[in-house]
Amino acid sequence: MAGRATLNPVAIDDTRWEHGNVFLDASRSIRLHYIDCLPPKPAVGAILLVHGLPQTSYQFRHVITPLSDAGYRVIAPDYRGAGESSHPKTGFDKTTIANDLHTLVYSVLGIKDKIHVIG
């Protein structure tokens, strides 16, 4: 309907978004969901978008593609206990969550260089 307000008035281009899930432990009880958006040309760097509590990677939906269009590989995970990631009973301290994100970026996604962290 023309002239009617919407909750999300700006179209979001998510055509380059790849959704992934990775288990971080041998027992396959800790699963992280993430969005990985590659730039249209060779990347000039990588950006890790870290949401706050109680948000999820969804909070970054308006900036993922523009940052990628600027030449960055953009990674937006849901850390443990949030969004589409698993919700374990423990492991919500900053050190554990940082280790999870480090494993995702360097071991799973294979990024070798330093990254920019926003969050």
PDB file of N, CA and C in Angstrom:
ATOM      1  N   MET A   1       0.843  -1.179   0.000  1.00  0.00           N
ATOM      2  CA  MET A   1       0.000   0.000   0.000  1.00  0.00           C
ATOM      3  C   MET A   1       0.883   1.234   0.000  1.00  0.00           C
ATOM      4  N   ALA A   2       0.639   2.115  -0.919  1.00  0.00           N
ATOM      5  CA  ALA A   2       1.428   3.332  -1.051  1.00  0.00           C
ATOM      6  C   ALA A   2       1.213   4.248   0.154  1.00  0.00           C
ATOM      7  N   GLY A   3       2.309   4.886   0.591  1.00  0.00           N
ATOM      8  CA  GLY A   3       2.217   5.851   1.671  1.00  0.00           C
ATOM      9  C   GLY A   3       2.124   5.239   3.057  1.00  0.00           C
ATOM     10  N   ARG A   4       2.188   3.937   3.134  1.00  0.00           N
ATOM     11  CA  ARG A   4       2.067   3.277   4.429  1.00  0.00           C
ATOM     12  C   ARG A   4       3.460   3.035   5.018  1.00  0.00           C
ATOM     13  N   ALA A   5       3.648   3.388   6.279  1.00  0.00           N
ATOM     14  CA  ALA A   5       4.938   3.194   6.940  1.00  0.00           C
ATOM     15  C   ALA A   5       5.202   1.706   7.149  1.00  0.00           C
ATOM     16  N   THR A   6       6.468   1.335   7.055  1.00  0.00           N
ATOM     17  CA  THR A   6       6.853  -0.047   7.309  1.00  0.00           C
ATOM     18  C   THR A   6       7.865  -0.079   8.433  1.00  0.00           C
ATOM     19  N   LEU A   7       8.034  -1.239   9.018  1.00  0.00           N
ATOM     20  CA  LEU A   7       9.018  -1.384  10.077  1.00  0.00           C
ATOM     21  C   LEU A   7      10.432  -1.411   9.526  1.00  0.00           C
ATOM     22  N   ASN A   8      10.593  -1.774   8.275  1.00  0.00           N
ATOM     23  CA  ASN A   8      11.911  -1.849   7.667  1.00  0.00           C
ATOM     24  C   ASN A   8      11.852  -1.159   6.311  1.00  0.00           C
ATOM     25  N   PRO A   9      11.878   0.169   6.285  1.00  0.00           N
ATOM     26  CA  PRO A   9      11.682   0.898   5.034  1.00  0.00           C
ATOM     27  C   PRO A   9      12.843   0.805   4.047  1.00  0.00           C
ATOM     28  N   VAL A  10      14.011   0.409   4.487  1.00  0.00           N
ATOM     29  CA  VAL A  10      15.175   0.343   3.621  1.00  0.00           C
ATOM     30  C   VAL A  10      15.386  -1.104   3.169  1.00  0.00           C
ATOM     31  N   ALA A  11      15.446  -1.310   1.865  1.00  0.00           N
ATOM     32  CA  ALA A  11      15.699  -2.650   1.342  1.00  0.00           C
ATOM     33  C   ALA A  11      17.109  -3.090   1.715  1.00  0.00           C
ATOM     34  N   ILE A  12      17.252  -4.342   2.081  1.00  0.00           N
ATOM     35  CA  ILE A  12      18.549  -4.884   2.472  1.00  0.00           C
ATOM     36  C   ILE A  12      18.987  -5.878   1.405  1.00  0.00           C
ATOM     37  N   ASP A  13      20.155  -5.630   0.821  1.00  0.00           N
ATOM     38  CA  ASP A  13      20.702  -6.539  -0.181  1.00  0.00           C
ATOM     39  C   ASP A  13      21.514  -7.609   0.536  1.00  0.00           C
ATOM     40  N   ASP A  14      20.937  -8.779   0.657  1.00  0.00           N
ATOM     41  CA  ASP A  14      21.638  -9.875   1.314  1.00  0.00           C
ATOM     42  C   ASP A  14      22.025 -10.976   0.325  1.00  0.00           C
ATOM     43  N   THR A  15      22.084 -10.647  -0.948  1.00  0.00           N
ATOM     44  CA  THR A  15      22.339 -11.652  -1.975  1.00  0.00           C
ATOM     45  C   THR A  15      23.730 -12.271  -1.883  1.00  0.00           C
ATOM     46  N   ARG A  16      24.703 -11.555  -1.301  1.00  0.00           N
ATOM     47  CA  ARG A  16      26.059 -12.102  -1.164  1.00  0.00           C
ATOM     48  C   ARG A  16      26.306 -12.705   0.213  1.00  0.00           C
ATOM     49  N   TRP A  17      25.330 -12.678   1.077  1.00  0.00           N
ATOM     50  CA  TRP A  17      25.509 -13.210   2.424  1.00  0.00           C
ATOM     51  C   TRP A  17      25.525 -14.739   2.382  1.00  0.00           C
ATOM     52  N   GLU A  18      26.510 -15.315   3.014  1.00  0.00           N
ATOM     53  CA  GLU A  18      26.562 -16.766   3.202  1.00  0.00           C
ATOM     54  C   GLU A  18      26.359 -17.031   4.688  1.00  0.00           C
ATOM     55  N   HIS A  19      25.355 -17.826   5.002  1.00  0.00           N
ATOM     56  CA  HIS A  19      25.127 -18.205   6.389  1.00  0.00           C
ATOM     57  C   HIS A  19      25.858 -19.510   6.654  1.00  0.00           C
ATOM     58  N   GLY A  20      26.568 -19.544   7.767  1.00  0.00           N
ATOM     59  CA  GLY A  20      27.307 -20.749   8.120  1.00  0.00           C
ATOM     60  C   GLY A  20      27.070 -21.124   9.559  1.00  0.00           C
ATOM     61  N   ASN A  21      27.360 -22.372   9.857  1.00  0.00           N
ATOM     62  CA  ASN A  21      27.307 -22.897  11.218  1.00  0.00           C
ATOM     63  C   ASN A  21      28.538 -23.751  11.422  1.00  0.00           C
ATOM     64  N   VAL A  22      29.166 -23.611  12.572  1.00  0.00           N
ATOM     65  CA  VAL A  22      30.359 -24.390  12.865  1.00  0.00           C
ATOM     66  C   VAL A  22      30.304 -24.858  14.311  1.00  0.00           C
ATOM     67  N   PHE A  23      30.707 -26.103  14.535  1.00  0.00           N
ATOM     68  CA  PHE A  23      30.821 -26.629  15.892  1.00  0.00           C
ATOM     69  C   PHE A  23      32.229 -26.355  16.389  1.00  0.00           C
ATOM     70  N   LEU A  24      32.339 -25.834  17.607  1.00  0.00           N
ATOM     71  CA  LEU A  24      33.629 -25.432  18.152  1.00  0.00           C
ATOM     72  C   LEU A  24      34.232 -26.443  19.117  1.00  0.00           C
ATOM     73  N   ASP A  25      33.529 -27.528  19.385  1.00  0.00           N
ATOM     74  CA  ASP A  25      34.042 -28.505  20.341  1.00  0.00           C
ATOM     75  C   ASP A  25      33.837 -29.914  19.799  1.00  0.00           C
ATOM     76  N   ALA A  26      34.603 -30.842  20.338  1.00  0.00           N
ATOM     77  CA  ALA A  26      34.566 -32.230  19.864  1.00  0.00           C
ATOM     78  C   ALA A  26      33.214 -32.890  20.098  1.00  0.00           C
ATOM     79  N   SER A  27      32.510 -32.486  21.156  1.00  0.00           N
ATOM     80  CA  SER A  27      31.214 -33.103  21.458  1.00  0.00           C
ATOM     81  C   SER A  27      30.081 -32.507  20.622  1.00  0.00           C
ATOM     82  N   ARG A  28      30.409 -31.506  19.795  1.00  0.00           N
ATOM     83  CA  ARG A  28      29.448 -30.842  18.910  1.00  0.00           C
ATOM     84  C   ARG A  28      28.271 -30.230  19.686  1.00  0.00           C
ATOM     85  N   SER A  29      28.596 -29.646  20.834  1.00  0.00           N
ATOM     86  CA  SER A  29      27.550 -29.011  21.641  1.00  0.00           C
ATOM     87  C   SER A  29      27.585 -27.481  21.537  1.00  0.00           C
ATOM     88  N   ILE A  30      28.691 -26.929  21.063  1.00  0.00           N
ATOM     89  CA  ILE A  30      28.812 -25.480  20.912  1.00  0.00           C
ATOM     90  C   ILE A  30      28.838 -25.161  19.412  1.00  0.00           C
ATOM     91  N   ARG A  31      27.735 -24.597  18.926  1.00  0.00           N
ATOM     92  CA  ARG A  31      27.596 -24.265  17.509  1.00  0.00           C
ATOM     93  C   ARG A  31      27.450 -22.764  17.361  1.00  0.00           C
ATOM     94  N   LEU A  32      28.255 -22.185  16.480  1.00  0.00           N
ATOM     95  CA  LEU A  32      28.141 -20.760  16.179  1.00  0.00           C
ATOM     96  C   LEU A  32      27.551 -20.584  14.787  1.00  0.00           C
ATOM     97  N   HIS A  33      26.559 -19.723  14.705  1.00  0.00           N
ATOM     98  CA  HIS A  33      26.009 -19.299  13.421  1.00  0.00           C
ATOM     99  C   HIS A  33      26.699 -17.991  13.053  1.00  0.00           C
ATOM    100  N   TYR A  34      26.964 -17.807  11.750  1.00  0.00           N
ATOM    101  CA  TYR A  34      27.602 -16.570  11.326  1.00  0.00           C
ATOM    102  C   TYR A  34      27.168 -16.220   9.905  1.00  0.00           C
ATOM    103  N   ILE A  35      27.298 -14.938   9.592  1.00  0.00           N
ATOM    104  CA  ILE A  35      27.112 -14.433   8.238  1.00  0.00           C
ATOM    105  C   ILE A  35      28.492 -14.045   7.735  1.00  0.00           C
ATOM    106  N   ASP A  36      28.803 -14.467   6.515  1.00  0.00           N
ATOM    107  CA  ASP A  36      30.076 -14.141   5.882  1.00  0.00           C
ATOM    108  C   ASP A  36      29.745 -13.488   4.547  1.00  0.00           C
ATOM    109  N   CYS A  37      30.134 -12.229   4.378  1.00  0.00           N
ATOM    110  CA  CYS A  37      29.832 -11.491   3.152  1.00  0.00           C
ATOM    111  C   CYS A  37      31.130 -11.054   2.487  1.00  0.00           C
ATOM    112  N   LEU A  38      31.420 -11.662   1.344  1.00  0.00           N
ATOM    113  CA  LEU A  38      32.627 -11.328   0.603  1.00  0.00           C
ATOM    114  C   LEU A  38      32.392 -10.094  -0.258  1.00  0.00           C
ATOM    115  N   PRO A  39      33.423  -9.275  -0.433  1.00  0.00           N
ATOM    116  CA  PRO A  39      33.272  -8.089  -1.283  1.00  0.00           C
ATOM    117  C   PRO A  39      33.223  -8.489  -2.755  1.00  0.00           C
ATOM    118  N   PRO A  40      32.698  -7.603  -3.609  1.00  0.00           N
ATOM    119  CA  PRO A  40      32.614  -7.915  -5.032  1.00  0.00           C
ATOM    120  C   PRO A  40      33.989  -7.971  -5.719  1.00  0.00           C
ATOM    121  N   LYS A  41      34.996  -7.316  -5.144  1.00  0.00           N
ATOM    122  CA  LYS A  41      36.366  -7.324  -5.667  1.00  0.00           C
ATOM    123  C   LYS A  41      37.269  -7.903  -4.581  1.00  0.00           C
ATOM    124  N   PRO A  42      38.542  -8.147  -4.869  1.00  0.00           N
ATOM    125  CA  PRO A  42      39.433  -8.667  -3.821  1.00  0.00           C
ATOM    126  C   PRO A  42      39.373  -7.811  -2.546  1.00  0.00           C
ATOM    127  N   ALA A  43      39.353  -8.493  -1.419  1.00  0.00           N
ATOM    128  CA  ALA A  43      39.184  -7.817  -0.131  1.00  0.00           C
ATOM    129  C   ALA A  43      40.398  -6.973   0.234  1.00  0.00           C
ATOM    130  N   VAL A  44      40.132  -5.814   0.828  1.00  0.00           N
ATOM    131  CA  VAL A  44      41.193  -4.961   1.362  1.00  0.00           C
ATOM    132  C   VAL A  44      41.421  -5.249   2.846  1.00  0.00           C
ATOM    133  N   GLY A  45      40.584  -6.078   3.420  1.00  0.00           N
ATOM    134  CA  GLY A  45      40.682  -6.438   4.824  1.00  0.00           C
ATOM    135  C   GLY A  45      39.424  -7.149   5.254  1.00  0.00           C
ATOM    136  N   ALA A  46      39.357  -7.461   6.540  1.00  0.00           N
ATOM    137  CA  ALA A  46      38.190  -8.146   7.095  1.00  0.00           C
ATOM    138  C   ALA A  46      37.687  -7.381   8.307  1.00  0.00           C
ATOM    139  N   ILE A  47      36.373  -7.423   8.479  1.00  0.00           N
ATOM    140  CA  ILE A  47      35.727  -6.781   9.628  1.00  0.00           C
ATOM    141  C   ILE A  47      34.896  -7.829  10.349  1.00  0.00           C
ATOM    142  N   LEU A  48      35.085  -7.926  11.662  1.00  0.00           N
ATOM    143  CA  LEU A  48      34.272  -8.789  12.517  1.00  0.00           C
ATOM    144  C   LEU A  48      33.298  -7.900  13.272  1.00  0.00           C
ATOM    145  N   LEU A  49      32.007  -8.117  13.056  1.00  0.00           N
ATOM    146  CA  LEU A  49      30.966  -7.350  13.737  1.00  0.00           C
ATOM    147  C   LEU A  49      30.482  -8.155  14.936  1.00  0.00           C
ATOM    148  N   VAL A  50      30.685  -7.630  16.136  1.00  0.00           N
ATOM    149  CA  VAL A  50      30.327  -8.342  17.363  1.00  0.00           C
ATOM    150  C   VAL A  50      29.156  -7.627  18.018  1.00  0.00           C
ATOM    151  N   HIS A  51      28.027  -8.308  18.079  1.00  0.00           N
ATOM    152  CA  HIS A  51      26.820  -7.712  18.658  1.00  0.00           C
ATOM    153  C   HIS A  51      26.899  -7.651  20.172  1.00  0.00           C
ATOM    154  N   GLY A  52      26.009  -6.884  20.752  1.00  0.00           N
ATOM    155  CA  GLY A  52      25.927  -6.781  22.201  1.00  0.00           C
ATOM    156  C   GLY A  52      24.840  -7.693  22.749  1.00  0.00           C
ATOM    157  N   LEU A  53      24.572  -7.572  24.018  1.00  0.00           N
ATOM    158  CA  LEU A  53      23.532  -8.360  24.678  1.00  0.00           C
ATOM    159  C   LEU A  53      22.334  -7.443  24.878  1.00  0.00           C
ATOM    160  N   PRO A  54      21.178  -7.767  24.470  1.00  0.00           N
ATOM    161  CA  PRO A  54      20.664  -9.059  24.001  1.00  0.00           C
ATOM    162  C   PRO A  54      20.519  -9.144  22.487  1.00  0.00           C
ATOM    163  N   GLN A  55      21.284  -8.402  21.710  1.00  0.00           N
ATOM    164  CA  GLN A  55      21.138  -8.404  20.270  1.00  0.00           C
ATOM    165  C   GLN A  55      21.714  -9.668  19.628  1.00  0.00           C
ATOM    166  N   THR A  56      21.618  -9.710  18.298  1.00  0.00           N
ATOM    167  CA  THR A  56      22.189 -10.779  17.489  1.00  0.00           C
ATOM    168  C   THR A  56      22.846 -10.123  16.270  1.00  0.00           C
ATOM    169  N   SER A  57      23.346 -10.937  15.379  1.00  0.00           N
ATOM    170  CA  SER A  57      23.945 -10.401  14.151  1.00  0.00           C
ATOM    171  C   SER A  57      22.934  -9.606  13.334  1.00  0.00           C
ATOM    172  N   TYR A  58      21.663  -9.810  13.575  1.00  0.00           N
ATOM    173  CA  TYR A  58      20.600  -9.090  12.869  1.00  0.00           C
ATOM    174  C   TYR A  58      20.736  -7.576  13.034  1.00  0.00           C
ATOM    175  N   GLN A  59      21.306  -7.137  14.137  1.00  0.00           N
ATOM    176  CA  GLN A  59      21.441  -5.696  14.362  1.00  0.00           C
ATOM    177  C   GLN A  59      22.343  -5.047  13.313  1.00  0.00           C
ATOM    178  N   PHE A  60      23.166  -5.829  12.623  1.00  0.00           N
ATOM    179  CA  PHE A  60      24.093  -5.288  11.629  1.00  0.00           C
ATOM    180  C   PHE A  60      23.568  -5.393  10.202  1.00  0.00           C
ATOM    181  N   ARG A  61      22.304  -5.750  10.016  1.00  0.00           N
ATOM    182  CA  ARG A  61      21.754  -6.005   8.682  1.00  0.00           C
ATOM    183  C   ARG A  61      21.878  -4.824   7.732  1.00  0.00           C
ATOM    184  N   HIS A  62      21.900  -3.613   8.256  1.00  0.00           N
ATOM    185  CA  HIS A  62      21.977  -2.428   7.395  1.00  0.00           C
ATOM    186  C   HIS A  62      23.408  -2.055   7.008  1.00  0.00           C
ATOM    187  N   VAL A  63      24.409  -2.628   7.661  1.00  0.00           N
ATOM    188  CA  VAL A  63      25.795  -2.234   7.370  1.00  0.00           C
ATOM    189  C   VAL A  63      26.635  -3.340   6.751  1.00  0.00           C
ATOM    190  N   ILE A  64      26.178  -4.577   6.779  1.00  0.00           N
ATOM    191  CA  ILE A  64      26.978  -5.688   6.259  1.00  0.00           C
ATOM    192  C   ILE A  64      27.326  -5.469   4.787  1.00  0.00           C
ATOM    193  N   THR A  65      26.333  -5.279   3.948  1.00  0.00           N
ATOM    194  CA  THR A  65      26.588  -5.127   2.517  1.00  0.00           C
ATOM    195  C   THR A  65      27.331  -3.832   2.188  1.00  0.00           C
ATOM    196  N   PRO A  66      26.969  -2.674   2.764  1.00  0.00           N
ATOM    197  CA  PRO A  66      27.759  -1.467   2.464  1.00  0.00           C
ATOM    198  C   PRO A  66      29.240  -1.599   2.853  1.00  0.00           C
ATOM    199  N   LEU A  67      29.534  -2.230   3.981  1.00  0.00           N
ATOM    200  CA  LEU A  67      30.933  -2.436   4.362  1.00  0.00           C
ATOM    201  C   LEU A  67      31.624  -3.369   3.376  1.00  0.00           C
ATOM    202  N   SER A  68      30.911  -4.381   2.937  1.00  0.00           N
ATOM    203  CA  SER A  68      31.457  -5.299   1.944  1.00  0.00           C
ATOM    204  C   SER A  68      31.673  -4.592   0.609  1.00  0.00           C
ATOM    205  N   ASP A  69      30.727  -3.750   0.223  1.00  0.00           N
ATOM    206  CA  ASP A  69      30.869  -2.974  -1.018  1.00  0.00           C
ATOM    207  C   ASP A  69      32.093  -2.059  -0.967  1.00  0.00           C
ATOM    208  N   ALA A  70      32.500  -1.660   0.234  1.00  0.00           N
ATOM    209  CA  ALA A  70      33.679  -0.810   0.409  1.00  0.00           C
ATOM    210  C   ALA A  70      34.976  -1.614   0.321  1.00  0.00           C
ATOM    211  N   GLY A  71      34.846  -2.939   0.125  1.00  0.00           N
ATOM    212  CA  GLY A  71      36.023  -3.776  -0.086  1.00  0.00           C
ATOM    213  C   GLY A  71      36.385  -4.710   1.045  1.00  0.00           C
ATOM    214  N   TYR A  72      35.570  -4.786   2.066  1.00  0.00           N
ATOM    215  CA  TYR A  72      35.892  -5.624   3.219  1.00  0.00           C
ATOM    216  C   TYR A  72      35.126  -6.942   3.208  1.00  0.00           C
ATOM    217  N   ARG A  73      35.774  -7.990   3.687  1.00  0.00           N
ATOM    218  CA  ARG A  73      35.070  -9.225   4.000  1.00  0.00           C
ATOM    219  C   ARG A  73      34.431  -8.981   5.356  1.00  0.00           C
ATOM    220  N   VAL A  74      33.125  -9.195   5.453  1.00  0.00           N
ATOM    221  CA  VAL A  74      32.399  -8.885   6.685  1.00  0.00           C
ATOM    222  C   VAL A  74      31.884 -10.178   7.299  1.00  0.00           C
ATOM    223  N   ILE A  75      32.212 -10.374   8.583  1.00  0.00           N
ATOM    224  CA  ILE A  75      31.779 -11.552   9.328  1.00  0.00           C
ATOM    225  C   ILE A  75      30.945 -11.072  10.504  1.00  0.00           C
ATOM    226  N   ALA A  76      29.724 -11.588  10.592  1.00  0.00           N
ATOM    227  CA  ALA A  76      28.813 -11.188  11.671  1.00  0.00           C
ATOM    228  C   ALA A  76      28.261 -12.452  12.336  1.00  0.00           C
ATOM    229  N   PRO A  77      28.897 -12.898  13.415  1.00  0.00           N
ATOM    230  CA  PRO A  77      28.423 -14.101  14.093  1.00  0.00           C
ATOM    231  C   PRO A  77      27.364 -13.796  15.159  1.00  0.00           C
ATOM    232  N   ASP A  78      26.614 -14.823  15.499  1.00  0.00           N
ATOM    233  CA  ASP A  78      25.804 -14.820  16.720  1.00  0.00           C
ATOM    234  C   ASP A  78      26.659 -15.563  17.742  1.00  0.00           C
ATOM    235  N   TYR A  79      27.142 -14.873  18.784  1.00  0.00           N
ATOM    236  CA  TYR A  79      27.970 -15.614  19.730  1.00  0.00           C
ATOM    237  C   TYR A  79      27.128 -16.579  20.548  1.00  0.00           C
ATOM    238  N   ARG A  80      27.792 -17.468  21.260  1.00  0.00           N
ATOM    239  CA  ARG A  80      27.076 -18.521  21.997  1.00  0.00           C
ATOM    240  C   ARG A  80      25.988 -17.916  22.875  1.00  0.00           C
ATOM    241  N   GLY A  81      24.831 -18.560  22.837  1.00  0.00           N
ATOM    242  CA  GLY A  81      23.692 -18.110  23.621  1.00  0.00           C
ATOM    243  C   GLY A  81      22.817 -17.092  22.922  1.00  0.00           C
ATOM    244  N   ALA A  82      23.158 -16.706  21.695  1.00  0.00           N
ATOM    245  CA  ALA A  82      22.398 -15.670  20.991  1.00  0.00           C
ATOM    246  C   ALA A  82      21.966 -16.156  19.607  1.00  0.00           C
ATOM    247  N   GLY A  83      20.836 -15.653  19.173  1.00  0.00           N
ATOM    248  CA  GLY A  83      20.372 -15.910  17.815  1.00  0.00           C
ATOM    249  C   GLY A  83      20.310 -17.378  17.457  1.00  0.00           C
ATOM    250  N   GLU A  84      20.902 -17.717  16.306  1.00  0.00           N
ATOM    251  CA  GLU A  84      20.858 -19.080  15.803  1.00  0.00           C
ATOM    252  C   GLU A  84      21.999 -19.952  16.305  1.00  0.00           C
ATOM    253  N   SER A  85      22.849 -19.421  17.181  1.00  0.00           N
ATOM    254  CA  SER A  85      23.908 -20.228  17.783  1.00  0.00           C
ATOM    255  C   SER A  85      23.330 -21.058  18.923  1.00  0.00           C
ATOM    256  N   SER A  86      24.100 -22.052  19.360  1.00  0.00           N
ATOM    257  CA  SER A  86      23.612 -22.903  20.455  1.00  0.00           C
ATOM    258  C   SER A  86      23.530 -22.104  21.753  1.00  0.00           C
ATOM    259  N   HIS A  87      22.741 -22.599  22.667  1.00  0.00           N
ATOM    260  CA  HIS A  87      22.527 -21.935  23.954  1.00  0.00           C
ATOM    261  C   HIS A  87      22.963 -22.851  25.096  1.00  0.00           C
ATOM    262  N   PRO A  88      24.286 -22.975  25.299  1.00  0.00           N
ATOM    263  CA  PRO A  88      24.778 -23.845  26.369  1.00  0.00           C
ATOM    264  C   PRO A  88      24.517 -23.236  27.745  1.00  0.00           C
ATOM    265  N   LYS A  89      24.725 -24.032  28.774  1.00  0.00           N
ATOM    266  CA  LYS A  89      24.498 -23.563  30.145  1.00  0.00           C
ATOM    267  C   LYS A  89      25.666 -22.740  30.672  1.00  0.00           C
ATOM    268  N   THR A  90      26.853 -22.888  30.086  1.00  0.00           N
ATOM    269  CA  THR A  90      28.042 -22.189  30.577  1.00  0.00           C
ATOM    270  C   THR A  90      28.812 -21.572  29.410  1.00  0.00           C
ATOM    271  N   GLY A  91      29.848 -20.831  29.753  1.00  0.00           N
ATOM    272  CA  GLY A  91      30.755 -20.299  28.744  1.00  0.00           C
ATOM    273  C   GLY A  91      30.409 -18.908  28.263  1.00  0.00           C
ATOM    274  N   PHE A  92      29.784 -18.119  29.109  1.00  0.00           N
ATOM    275  CA  PHE A  92      29.376 -16.782  28.692  1.00  0.00           C
ATOM    276  C   PHE A  92      30.316 -15.690  29.180  1.00  0.00           C
ATOM    277  N   ASP A  93      31.478 -16.080  29.687  1.00  0.00           N
ATOM    278  CA  ASP A  93      32.456 -15.080  30.106  1.00  0.00           C
ATOM    279  C   ASP A  93      33.156 -14.519  28.869  1.00  0.00           C
ATOM    280  N   LYS A  94      33.734 -13.351  29.013  1.00  0.00           N
ATOM    281  CA  LYS A  94      34.337 -12.653  27.872  1.00  0.00           C
ATOM    282  C   LYS A  94      35.487 -13.440  27.246  1.00  0.00           C
ATOM    283  N   THR A  95      36.272 -14.116  28.068  1.00  0.00           N
ATOM    284  CA  THR A  95      37.406 -14.881  27.538  1.00  0.00           C
ATOM    285  C   THR A  95      36.937 -16.023  26.656  1.00  0.00           C
ATOM    286  N   THR A  96      35.919 -16.743  27.085  1.00  0.00           N
ATOM    287  CA  THR A  96      35.402 -17.866  26.299  1.00  0.00           C
ATOM    288  C   THR A  96      34.792 -17.377  24.995  1.00  0.00           C
ATOM    289  N   ILE A  97      34.007 -16.321  25.059  1.00  0.00           N
ATOM    290  CA  ILE A  97      33.392 -15.784  23.839  1.00  0.00           C
ATOM    291  C   ILE A  97      34.473 -15.267  22.882  1.00  0.00           C
ATOM    292  N   ALA A  98      35.501 -14.607  23.413  1.00  0.00           N
ATOM    293  CA  ALA A  98      36.606 -14.137  22.568  1.00  0.00           C
ATOM    294  C   ALA A  98      37.322 -15.309  21.912  1.00  0.00           C
ATOM    295  N   ASN A  99      37.531 -16.384  22.657  1.00  0.00           N
ATOM    296  CA  ASN A  99      38.160 -17.582  22.086  1.00  0.00           C
ATOM    297  C   ASN A  99      37.294 -18.181  20.985  1.00  0.00           C
ATOM    298  N   ASP A 100      35.984 -18.206  21.194  1.00  0.00           N
ATOM    299  CA  ASP A 100      35.067 -18.700  20.156  1.00  0.00           C
ATOM    300  C   ASP A 100      35.219 -17.893  18.876  1.00  0.00           C
ATOM    301  N   LEU A 101      35.231 -16.572  19.001  1.00  0.00           N
ATOM    302  CA  LEU A 101      35.326 -15.705  17.828  1.00  0.00           C
ATOM    303  C   LEU A 101      36.686 -15.834  17.153  1.00  0.00           C
ATOM    304  N   HIS A 102      37.736 -15.960  17.940  1.00  0.00           N
ATOM    305  CA  HIS A 102      39.083 -16.162  17.396  1.00  0.00           C
ATOM    306  C   HIS A 102      39.131 -17.463  16.593  1.00  0.00           C
ATOM    307  N   THR A 103      38.571 -18.524  17.138  1.00  0.00           N
ATOM    308  CA  THR A 103      38.535 -19.812  16.435  1.00  0.00           C
ATOM    309  C   THR A 103      37.762 -19.696  15.133  1.00  0.00           C
ATOM    310  N   LEU A 104      36.615 -19.026  15.174  1.00  0.00           N
ATOM    311  CA  LEU A 104      35.815 -18.844  13.961  1.00  0.00           C
ATOM    312  C   LEU A 104      36.622 -18.119  12.884  1.00  0.00           C
ATOM    313  N   VAL A 105      37.219 -16.997  13.235  1.00  0.00           N
ATOM    314  CA  VAL A 105      37.904 -16.158  12.249  1.00  0.00           C
ATOM    315  C   VAL A 105      39.170 -16.828  11.713  1.00  0.00           C
ATOM    316  N   TYR A 106      40.021 -17.311  12.584  1.00  0.00           N
ATOM    317  CA  TYR A 106      41.333 -17.779  12.152  1.00  0.00           C
ATOM    318  C   TYR A 106      41.374 -19.268  11.809  1.00  0.00           C
ATOM    319  N   SER A 107      40.694 -20.113  12.559  1.00  0.00           N
ATOM    320  CA  SER A 107      40.752 -21.554  12.296  1.00  0.00           C
ATOM    321  C   SER A 107      39.703 -22.011  11.286  1.00  0.00           C
ATOM    322  N   VAL A 108      38.478 -21.539  11.438  1.00  0.00           N
ATOM    323  CA  VAL A 108      37.390 -21.991  10.573  1.00  0.00           C
ATOM    324  C   VAL A 108      37.401 -21.256   9.235  1.00  0.00           C
ATOM    325  N   LEU A 109      37.429 -19.929   9.270  1.00  0.00           N
ATOM    326  CA  LEU A 109      37.360 -19.138   8.037  1.00  0.00           C
ATOM    327  C   LEU A 109      38.724 -18.945   7.385  1.00  0.00           C
ATOM    328  N   GLY A 110      39.784 -19.263   8.105  1.00  0.00           N
ATOM    329  CA  GLY A 110      41.119 -19.238   7.527  1.00  0.00           C
ATOM    330  C   GLY A 110      41.698 -17.865   7.248  1.00  0.00           C
ATOM    331  N   ILE A 111      41.228 -16.854   7.944  1.00  0.00           N
ATOM    332  CA  ILE A 111      41.786 -15.510   7.761  1.00  0.00           C
ATOM    333  C   ILE A 111      43.176 -15.481   8.386  1.00  0.00           C
ATOM    334  N   LYS A 112      44.134 -14.967   7.658  1.00  0.00           N
ATOM    335  CA  LYS A 112      45.532 -14.965   8.110  1.00  0.00           C
ATOM    336  C   LYS A 112      45.997 -13.609   8.626  1.00  0.00           C
ATOM    337  N   ASP A 113      45.344 -12.548   8.177  1.00  0.00           N
ATOM    338  CA  ASP A 113      45.785 -11.200   8.546  1.00  0.00           C
ATOM    339  C   ASP A 113      45.027 -10.681   9.758  1.00  0.00           C
ATOM    340  N   LYS A 114      45.453  -9.539  10.246  1.00  0.00           N
ATOM    341  CA  LYS A 114      44.719  -8.853  11.307  1.00  0.00           C
ATOM    342  C   LYS A 114      43.363  -8.441  10.767  1.00  0.00           C
ATOM    343  N   ILE A 115      42.397  -8.286  11.673  1.00  0.00           N
ATOM    344  CA  ILE A 115      41.062  -7.880  11.277  1.00  0.00           C
ATOM    345  C   ILE A 115      40.634  -6.653  12.073  1.00  0.00           C
ATOM    346  N   HIS A 116      39.628  -5.974  11.566  1.00  0.00           N
ATOM    347  CA  HIS A 116      38.999  -4.877  12.293  1.00  0.00           C
ATOM    348  C   HIS A 116      37.840  -5.479  13.092  1.00  0.00           C
ATOM    349  N   VAL A 117      37.716  -5.079  14.348  1.00  0.00           N
ATOM    350  CA  VAL A 117      36.635  -5.562  15.206  1.00  0.00           C
ATOM    351  C   VAL A 117      35.735  -4.385  15.551  1.00  0.00           C
ATOM    352  N   ILE A 118      34.444  -4.544  15.273  1.00  0.00           N
ATOM    353  CA  ILE A 118      33.461  -3.513  15.604  1.00  0.00           C
ATOM    354  C   ILE A 118      32.422  -4.141  16.512  1.00  0.00           C
ATOM    355  N   GLY A 119      32.186  -3.513  17.647  1.00  0.00           N
ATOM    356  CA  GLY A 119      31.170  -4.047  18.529  1.00  0.00           C
ATOM    357  C   GLY A 119      31.358  -3.584  19.942  1.00  0.00           C
TER     358      GLY A 119
END
